[in-house]
PDB file of N, CA and C in Angstrom:
ATOM      1  N   MET A   1     106.680 119.638  78.657  1.00  0.00           N
ATOM      2  CA  MET A   1     107.310 119.862  80.201  1.00  0.00           C
ATOM      3  C   MET A   1     108.065 120.916  80.310  1.00  0.00           C
ATOM      4  N   THR A   2     107.814 121.856  80.983  1.00  0.00           N
ATOM      5  CA  THR A   2     108.762 122.777  81.541  1.00  0.00           C
ATOM      6  C   THR A   2     109.826 122.289  82.415  1.00  0.00           C
ATOM      7  N   VAL A   3     111.046 123.237  82.684  1.00  0.00           N
ATOM      8  CA  VAL A   3     112.014 122.932  83.516  1.00  0.00           C
ATOM      9  C   VAL A   3     111.528 122.567  84.795  1.00  0.00           C
ATOM     10  N   GLU A   4     110.715 123.649  85.224  1.00  0.00           N
ATOM     11  CA  GLU A   4     110.463 123.555  86.776  1.00  0.00           C
ATOM     12  C   GLU A   4     109.404 122.226  86.896  1.00  0.00           C
ATOM     13  N   SER A   5     108.496 122.110  86.230  1.00  0.00           N
ATOM     14  CA  SER A   5     107.860 120.910  86.257  1.00  0.00           C
ATOM     15  C   SER A   5     108.899 119.353  86.044  1.00  0.00           C
ATOM     16  N   LEU A   6     109.795 119.330  85.320  1.00  0.00           N
ATOM     17  CA  LEU A   6     110.951 118.296  85.388  1.00  0.00           C
ATOM     18  C   LEU A   6     111.864 118.320  86.603  1.00  0.00           C
ATOM     19  N   ILE A   7     112.097 119.243  87.216  1.00  0.00           N
ATOM     20  CA  ILE A   7     112.864 119.637  88.649  1.00  0.00           C
ATOM     21  C   ILE A   7     112.174 118.737  89.721  1.00  0.00           C
ATOM     22  N   ILE A   8     110.442 119.440  89.777  1.00  0.00           N
ATOM     23  CA  ILE A   8     109.875 118.647  90.740  1.00  0.00           C
ATOM     24  C   ILE A   8     109.373 117.197  90.452  1.00  0.00           C
ATOM     25  N   PHE A   9     109.597 116.680  89.366  1.00  0.00           N
ATOM     26  CA  PHE A   9     109.305 115.201  88.980  1.00  0.00           C
ATOM     27  C   PHE A   9     110.410 114.785  89.490  1.00  0.00           C
ATOM     28  N   LEU A  10     111.689 115.074  89.375  1.00  0.00           N
ATOM     29  CA  LEU A  10     112.812 114.393  89.711  1.00  0.00           C
ATOM     30  C   LEU A  10     113.040 114.535  91.464  1.00  0.00           C
ATOM     31  N   LEU A  11     112.468 115.439  91.685  1.00  0.00           N
ATOM     32  CA  LEU A  11     112.539 115.806  93.465  1.00  0.00           C
ATOM     33  C   LEU A  11     111.826 114.836  94.149  1.00  0.00           C
ATOM     34  N   ILE A  12     110.382 114.576  93.372  1.00  0.00           N
ATOM     35  CA  ILE A  12     109.403 113.868  94.046  1.00  0.00           C
ATOM     36  C   ILE A  12     110.092 112.499  93.995  1.00  0.00           C
ATOM     37  N   GLY A  13     110.387 111.835  92.938  1.00  0.00           N
ATOM     38  CA  GLY A  13     110.944 110.761  92.903  1.00  0.00           C
ATOM     39  C   GLY A  13     111.882 110.438  93.641  1.00  0.00           C
ATOM     40  N   ALA A  14     113.080 111.428  93.871  1.00  0.00           N
ATOM     41  CA  ALA A  14     114.140 111.262  94.648  1.00  0.00           C
ATOM     42  C   ALA A  14     113.548 111.024  96.488  1.00  0.00           C
ATOM     43  N   LEU A  15     112.706 111.600  96.622  1.00  0.00           N
ATOM     44  CA  LEU A  15     112.132 111.784  97.887  1.00  0.00           C
ATOM     45  C   LEU A  15     111.478 110.599  98.218  1.00  0.00           C
ATOM     46  N   ALA A  16     110.606 110.281  97.144  1.00  0.00           N
ATOM     47  CA  ALA A  16     109.942 109.071  97.317  1.00  0.00           C
ATOM     48  C   ALA A  16     110.686 107.449  97.239  1.00  0.00           C
ATOM     49  N   GLY A  17     111.720 107.596  96.398  1.00  0.00           N
ATOM     50  CA  GLY A  17     112.834 106.503  96.638  1.00  0.00           C
ATOM     51  C   GLY A  17     113.498 106.429  97.851  1.00  0.00           C
ATOM     52  N   TRP A  18     113.954 107.647  98.506  1.00  0.00           N
ATOM     53  CA  TRP A  18     114.789 107.419  99.483  1.00  0.00           C
ATOM     54  C   TRP A  18     113.699 107.252 100.887  1.00  0.00           C
ATOM     55  N   LEU A  19     112.570 107.677 100.842  1.00  0.00           N
ATOM     56  CA  LEU A  19     111.663 106.860 101.885  1.00  0.00           C
ATOM     57  C   LEU A  19     111.377 105.545 101.822  1.00  0.00           C
ATOM     58  N   ALA A  20     111.019 105.063 100.543  1.00  0.00           N
ATOM     59  CA  ALA A  20     111.073 103.877 100.440  1.00  0.00           C
ATOM     60  C   ALA A  20     112.308 102.881 100.689  1.00  0.00           C
ATOM     61  N   GLY A  21     113.449 103.372 100.528  1.00  0.00           N
ATOM     62  CA  GLY A  21     114.643 102.641 100.886  1.00  0.00           C
ATOM     63  C   GLY A  21     114.690 102.592 102.604  1.00  0.00           C
ATOM     64  N   VAL A  22     114.369 103.744 103.011  1.00  0.00           N
ATOM     65  CA  VAL A  22     114.261 103.802 104.589  1.00  0.00           C
ATOM     66  C   VAL A  22     113.402 102.721 105.207  1.00  0.00           C
ATOM     67  N   ILE A  23     112.311 102.712 104.405  1.00  0.00           N
ATOM     68  CA  ILE A  23     111.017 101.714 104.901  1.00  0.00           C
ATOM     69  C   ILE A  23     111.268 100.092 104.702  1.00  0.00           C
ATOM     70  N   VAL A  24     111.972 100.056 103.670  1.00  0.00           N
ATOM     71  CA  VAL A  24     112.046  98.535 103.332  1.00  0.00           C
ATOM     72  C   VAL A  24     113.474  98.058 103.492  1.00  0.00           C
ATOM     73  N   LYS A  25     114.515  98.889 103.247  1.00  0.00           N
ATOM     74  CA  LYS A  25     115.909  98.364 103.789  1.00  0.00           C
ATOM     75  C   LYS A  25     116.706  98.994 104.883  1.00  0.00           C
ATOM     76  N   GLY A  26     116.271 100.152 105.276  1.00  0.00           N
ATOM     77  CA  GLY A  26     116.810 100.916 106.068  1.00  0.00           C
ATOM     78  C   GLY A  26     117.970 101.887 105.652  1.00  0.00           C
ATOM     79  N   PHE A  27     118.208 102.036 104.443  1.00  0.00           N
ATOM     80  CA  PHE A  27     118.866 102.909 103.744  1.00  0.00           C
ATOM     81  C   PHE A  27     118.634 103.384 102.432  1.00  0.00           C
ATOM     82  N   GLY A  28     119.127 104.309 102.073  1.00  0.00           N
ATOM     83  CA  GLY A  28     118.707 104.981 100.272  1.00  0.00           C
ATOM     84  C   GLY A  28     119.521 104.251  99.459  1.00  0.00           C
ATOM     85  N   PHE A  29     119.384 104.337  98.090  1.00  0.00           N
ATOM     86  CA  PHE A  29     120.104 103.687  97.240  1.00  0.00           C
ATOM     87  C   PHE A  29     121.034 104.785  96.435  1.00  0.00           C
ATOM     88  N   GLY A  30     121.341 105.982  96.996  1.00  0.00           N
ATOM     89  CA  GLY A  30     121.977 106.987  96.063  1.00  0.00           C
ATOM     90  C   GLY A  30     120.968 107.846  95.342  1.00  0.00           C
ATOM     91  N   LEU A  31     121.660 108.905  94.785  1.00  0.00           N
ATOM     92  CA  LEU A  31     120.834 109.761  94.140  1.00  0.00           C
ATOM     93  C   LEU A  31     119.785 109.361  93.131  1.00  0.00           C
ATOM     94  N   VAL A  32     120.517 108.738  92.077  1.00  0.00           N
ATOM     95  CA  VAL A  32     120.056 108.159  90.971  1.00  0.00           C
ATOM     96  C   VAL A  32     119.448 107.131  91.034  1.00  0.00           C
ATOM     97  N   GLY A  33     119.542 106.170  91.855  1.00  0.00           N
ATOM     98  CA  GLY A  33     118.759 104.880  92.304  1.00  0.00           C
ATOM     99  C   GLY A  33     117.623 105.359  92.978  1.00  0.00           C
ATOM    100  N   ASN A  34     117.542 106.394  93.843  1.00  0.00           N
ATOM    101  CA  ASN A  34     116.221 106.719  94.824  1.00  0.00           C
ATOM    102  C   ASN A  34     115.317 107.491  93.544  1.00  0.00           C
ATOM    103  N   ILE A  35     115.874 108.206  92.622  1.00  0.00           N
ATOM    104  CA  ILE A  35     115.049 108.746  91.527  1.00  0.00           C
ATOM    105  C   ILE A  35     114.399 107.970  90.630  1.00  0.00           C
ATOM    106  N   ILE A  36     114.968 106.922  90.314  1.00  0.00           N
ATOM    107  CA  ILE A  36     114.556 105.549  89.561  1.00  0.00           C
ATOM    108  C   ILE A  36     113.701 105.099  90.162  1.00  0.00           C
ATOM    109  N   ILE A  37     113.639 104.399  91.290  1.00  0.00           N
ATOM    110  CA  ILE A  37     112.934 103.743  92.170  1.00  0.00           C
ATOM    111  C   ILE A  37     111.679 104.735  92.426  1.00  0.00           C
ATOM    112  N   GLY A  38     111.690 105.896  92.909  1.00  0.00           N
ATOM    113  CA  GLY A  38     110.764 106.539  93.042  1.00  0.00           C
ATOM    114  C   GLY A  38     109.816 106.852  91.793  1.00  0.00           C
ATOM    115  N   ILE A  39     110.230 107.215  90.400  1.00  0.00           N
ATOM    116  CA  ILE A  39     109.493 107.058  89.387  1.00  0.00           C
ATOM    117  C   ILE A  39     108.953 105.786  89.113  1.00  0.00           C
ATOM    118  N   LEU A  40     109.650 104.700  89.124  1.00  0.00           N
ATOM    119  CA  LEU A  40     108.928 103.388  88.937  1.00  0.00           C
ATOM    120  C   LEU A  40     107.852 103.266  89.869  1.00  0.00           C
ATOM    121  N   GLY A  41     108.084 103.707  91.122  1.00  0.00           N
ATOM    122  CA  GLY A  41     106.793 103.464  92.290  1.00  0.00           C
ATOM    123  C   GLY A  41     105.632 104.261  91.895  1.00  0.00           C
ATOM    124  N   ALA A  42     105.843 105.462  91.248  1.00  0.00           N
ATOM    125  CA  ALA A  42     104.574 106.328  90.735  1.00  0.00           C
ATOM    126  C   ALA A  42     104.117 105.767  89.857  1.00  0.00           C
ATOM    127  N   PHE A  43     104.769 105.201  88.858  1.00  0.00           N
ATOM    128  CA  PHE A  43     103.980 104.482  87.707  1.00  0.00           C
ATOM    129  C   PHE A  43     103.464 103.088  88.210  1.00  0.00           C
ATOM    130  N   ILE A  44     103.804 102.192  89.218  1.00  0.00           N
ATOM    131  CA  ILE A  44     103.395 101.221  89.521  1.00  0.00           C
ATOM    132  C   ILE A  44     101.871 101.533  90.536  1.00  0.00           C
ATOM    133  N   ALA A  45     101.902 102.804  91.409  1.00  0.00           N
ATOM    134  CA  ALA A  45     101.000 103.138  92.132  1.00  0.00           C
ATOM    135  C   ALA A  45      99.681 104.016  91.372  1.00  0.00           C
ATOM    136  N   GLY A  46     100.027 104.539  90.009  1.00  0.00           N
ATOM    137  CA  GLY A  46      99.314 105.307  88.973  1.00  0.00           C
ATOM    138  C   GLY A  46      98.555 104.020  88.417  1.00  0.00           C
ATOM    139  N   TYR A  47      99.199 102.816  88.361  1.00  0.00           N
ATOM    140  CA  TYR A  47      98.220 101.913  87.755  1.00  0.00           C
ATOM    141  C   TYR A  47      97.502 101.075  88.787  1.00  0.00           C
ATOM    142  N   LEU A  48      98.063 100.785  89.867  1.00  0.00           N
ATOM    143  CA  LEU A  48      97.070 100.035  90.957  1.00  0.00           C
ATOM    144  C   LEU A  48      96.345 100.875  91.572  1.00  0.00           C
ATOM    145  N   PHE A  49      96.424 101.905  91.996  1.00  0.00           N
ATOM    146  CA  PHE A  49      95.462 102.830  92.567  1.00  0.00           C
ATOM    147  C   PHE A  49      93.861 102.925  91.934  1.00  0.00           C
ATOM    148  N   PRO A  50      94.178 103.411  90.761  1.00  0.00           N
ATOM    149  CA  PRO A  50      92.663 103.865  90.082  1.00  0.00           C
ATOM    150  C   PRO A  50      91.828 102.137  89.801  1.00  0.00           C
ATOM    151  N   ALA A  51      92.806 100.995  89.432  1.00  0.00           N
ATOM    152  CA  ALA A  51      92.496  99.718  89.561  1.00  0.00           C
ATOM    153  C   ALA A  51      91.670  99.388  90.779  1.00  0.00           C
ATOM    154  N   LEU A  52      92.196  99.880  92.045  1.00  0.00           N
ATOM    155  CA  LEU A  52      91.529  99.660  93.367  1.00  0.00           C
ATOM    156  C   LEU A  52      90.455 100.657  93.827  1.00  0.00           C
ATOM    157  N   ASN A  53      90.265 101.768  93.111  1.00  0.00           N
ATOM    158  CA  ASN A  53      89.569 102.698  93.140  1.00  0.00           C
ATOM    159  C   ASN A  53      89.994 103.711  94.570  1.00  0.00           C
ATOM    160  N   VAL A  54      91.288 103.670  94.621  1.00  0.00           N
ATOM    161  CA  VAL A  54      92.114 104.364  95.856  1.00  0.00           C
ATOM    162  C   VAL A  54      92.310 105.735  95.523  1.00  0.00           C
ATOM    163  N   SER A  55      92.269 106.485  96.350  1.00  0.00           N
ATOM    164  CA  SER A  55      92.658 108.070  95.750  1.00  0.00           C
ATOM    165  C   SER A  55      93.350 108.883  97.021  1.00  0.00           C
ATOM    166  N   LEU A  56      94.173 109.232  96.960  1.00  0.00           N
ATOM    167  CA  LEU A  56      95.017 110.129  98.082  1.00  0.00           C
ATOM    168  C   LEU A  56      94.951 111.804  97.899  1.00  0.00           C
ATOM    169  N   GLY A  57      94.196 112.016  96.761  1.00  0.00           N
ATOM    170  CA  GLY A  57      94.063 113.520  96.995  1.00  0.00           C
ATOM    171  C   GLY A  57      95.007 114.196  95.641  1.00  0.00           C
ATOM    172  N   ALA A  58      95.053 115.167  95.734  1.00  0.00           N
ATOM    173  CA  ALA A  58      96.173 115.800  95.049  1.00  0.00           C
ATOM    174  C   ALA A  58      97.254 116.789  95.726  1.00  0.00           C
ATOM    175  N   GLY A  59      97.995 117.168  94.829  1.00  0.00           N
ATOM    176  CA  GLY A  59      99.105 118.045  95.543  1.00  0.00           C
ATOM    177  C   GLY A  59     100.335 117.335  95.561  1.00  0.00           C
ATOM    178  N   ILE A  60     101.390 117.874  96.424  1.00  0.00           N
ATOM    179  CA  ILE A  60     102.658 117.675  95.960  1.00  0.00           C
ATOM    180  C   ILE A  60     103.066 116.454  97.239  1.00  0.00           C
ATOM    181  N   ILE A  61     102.170 116.558  98.362  1.00  0.00           N
ATOM    182  CA  ILE A  61     102.471 115.583  99.332  1.00  0.00           C
ATOM    183  C   ILE A  61     101.776 114.549  99.078  1.00  0.00           C
ATOM    184  N   ALA A  62     100.498 114.330  98.307  1.00  0.00           N
ATOM    185  CA  ALA A  62      99.891 113.226  97.979  1.00  0.00           C
ATOM    186  C   ALA A  62     100.646 112.531  96.809  1.00  0.00           C
ATOM    187  N   SER A  63     101.282 113.297  95.637  1.00  0.00           N
ATOM    188  CA  SER A  63     102.058 112.589  94.914  1.00  0.00           C
ATOM    189  C   SER A  63     103.330 112.181  95.682  1.00  0.00           C
ATOM    190  N   ILE A  64     104.076 112.890  96.811  1.00  0.00           N
ATOM    191  CA  ILE A  64     105.127 111.805  97.346  1.00  0.00           C
ATOM    192  C   ILE A  64     104.554 110.613  97.913  1.00  0.00           C
ATOM    193  N   LEU A  65     103.465 110.634  98.953  1.00  0.00           N
ATOM    194  CA  LEU A  65     102.800 109.534  99.469  1.00  0.00           C
ATOM    195  C   LEU A  65     102.646 108.531  98.081  1.00  0.00           C
ATOM    196  N   HIS A  66     101.765 108.719  97.158  1.00  0.00           N
ATOM    197  CA  HIS A  66     101.421 108.100  96.058  1.00  0.00           C
ATOM    198  C   HIS A  66     102.995 107.214  95.421  1.00  0.00           C
ATOM    199  N   ALA A  67     103.853 107.994  95.187  1.00  0.00           N
ATOM    200  CA  ALA A  67     104.993 107.303  94.850  1.00  0.00           C
ATOM    201  C   ALA A  67     105.918 106.499  95.686  1.00  0.00           C
ATOM    202  N   THR A  68     105.883 107.093  97.185  1.00  0.00           N
ATOM    203  CA  THR A  68     106.519 106.457  98.173  1.00  0.00           C
ATOM    204  C   THR A  68     105.673 104.798  98.181  1.00  0.00           C
ATOM    205  N   ILE A  69     104.519 104.788  98.015  1.00  0.00           N
ATOM    206  CA  ILE A  69     103.765 103.471  98.324  1.00  0.00           C
ATOM    207  C   ILE A  69     104.096 102.662  96.993  1.00  0.00           C
ATOM    208  N   GLY A  70     104.023 103.198  95.958  1.00  0.00           N
ATOM    209  CA  GLY A  70     104.328 102.299  94.588  1.00  0.00           C
ATOM    210  C   GLY A  70     105.808 101.601  95.144  1.00  0.00           C
ATOM    211  N   ALA A  71     106.762 102.740  95.511  1.00  0.00           N
ATOM    212  CA  ALA A  71     108.275 102.351  95.596  1.00  0.00           C
ATOM    213  C   ALA A  71     108.357 101.222  96.552  1.00  0.00           C
ATOM    214  N   VAL A  72     107.665 101.279  97.659  1.00  0.00           N
ATOM    215  CA  VAL A  72     107.616 100.201  98.418  1.00  0.00           C
ATOM    216  C   VAL A  72     107.080  99.069  98.116  1.00  0.00           C
ATOM    217  N   LEU A  73     106.207  98.842  97.328  1.00  0.00           N
ATOM    218  CA  LEU A  73     105.675  97.884  96.933  1.00  0.00           C
ATOM    219  C   LEU A  73     106.651  97.147  95.933  1.00  0.00           C
ATOM    220  N   LEU A  74     107.271  97.771  94.783  1.00  0.00           N
ATOM    221  CA  LEU A  74     108.569  97.589  94.133  1.00  0.00           C
ATOM    222  C   LEU A  74     109.523  97.103  94.812  1.00  0.00           C
ATOM    223  N   LEU A  75     109.842  97.656  95.851  1.00  0.00           N
ATOM    224  CA  LEU A  75     111.297  96.869  96.946  1.00  0.00           C
ATOM    225  C   LEU A  75     110.666  95.877  97.474  1.00  0.00           C
ATOM    226  N   LEU A  76     109.586  95.566  97.823  1.00  0.00           N
ATOM    227  CA  LEU A  76     108.864  94.301  98.530  1.00  0.00           C
ATOM    228  C   LEU A  76     108.712  93.256  97.330  1.00  0.00           C
ATOM    229  N   VAL A  77     108.648  93.461  96.182  1.00  0.00           N
ATOM    230  CA  VAL A  77     108.668  92.475  95.355  1.00  0.00           C
ATOM    231  C   VAL A  77     109.970  92.181  94.778  1.00  0.00           C
ATOM    232  N   VAL A  78     110.832  93.092  94.913  1.00  0.00           N
ATOM    233  CA  VAL A  78     112.204  92.846  94.260  1.00  0.00           C
ATOM    234  C   VAL A  78     113.059  91.969  95.555  1.00  0.00           C
ATOM    235  N   ARG A  79     112.656  92.252  96.677  1.00  0.00           N
ATOM    236  CA  ARG A  79     113.083  91.543  97.909  1.00  0.00           C
ATOM    237  C   ARG A  79     112.533  89.939  97.847  1.00  0.00           C
ATOM    238  N   VAL A  80     111.284  89.868  97.613  1.00  0.00           N
ATOM    239  CA  VAL A  80     110.681  88.395  97.425  1.00  0.00           C
ATOM    240  C   VAL A  80     111.337  87.552  96.681  1.00  0.00           C
ATOM    241  N   ILE A  81     111.607  88.464  95.046  1.00  0.00           N
ATOM    242  CA  ILE A  81     112.270  87.512  94.046  1.00  0.00           C
ATOM    243  C   ILE A  81     113.757  87.123  94.338  1.00  0.00           C
ATOM    244  N   LYS A  82     114.423  88.245  94.843  1.00  0.00           N
ATOM    245  CA  LYS A  82     115.882  87.834  95.400  1.00  0.00           C
ATOM    246  C   LYS A  82     115.871  86.772  96.353  1.00  0.00           C
ATOM    247  N   ARG A  83     115.060  86.317  97.120  1.00  0.00           N
ATOM    248  CA  ARG A  83     115.109  85.509  98.045  1.00  0.00           C
ATOM    249  C   ARG A  83     114.683  84.158  97.469  1.00  0.00           C
ATOM    250  N   ALA A  84     113.976  84.129  96.168  1.00  0.00           N
ATOM    251  CA  ALA A  84     113.618  82.848  95.572  1.00  0.00           C
ATOM    252  C   ALA A  84     114.893  82.137  94.882  1.00  0.00           C
TER     253      ALA A  84
END
């Protein structure tokens, strides 16, 4: 992995985590929290989307959407678990 791809990976994770935080809770989680949530969301969506035969396309915008949807799902599950 090159330095440029690592920076893009972290930026997409941060943006996806921030978007998911805004959608689900109404605020972000700080830079590190957003990156972690975005990266975990990308892994979740990377597992679920192929299993459901869903494709958002390729490119940076699709990657951000992909990671954001996964991060929103992650935050919703965490919210349900916290309420229980």
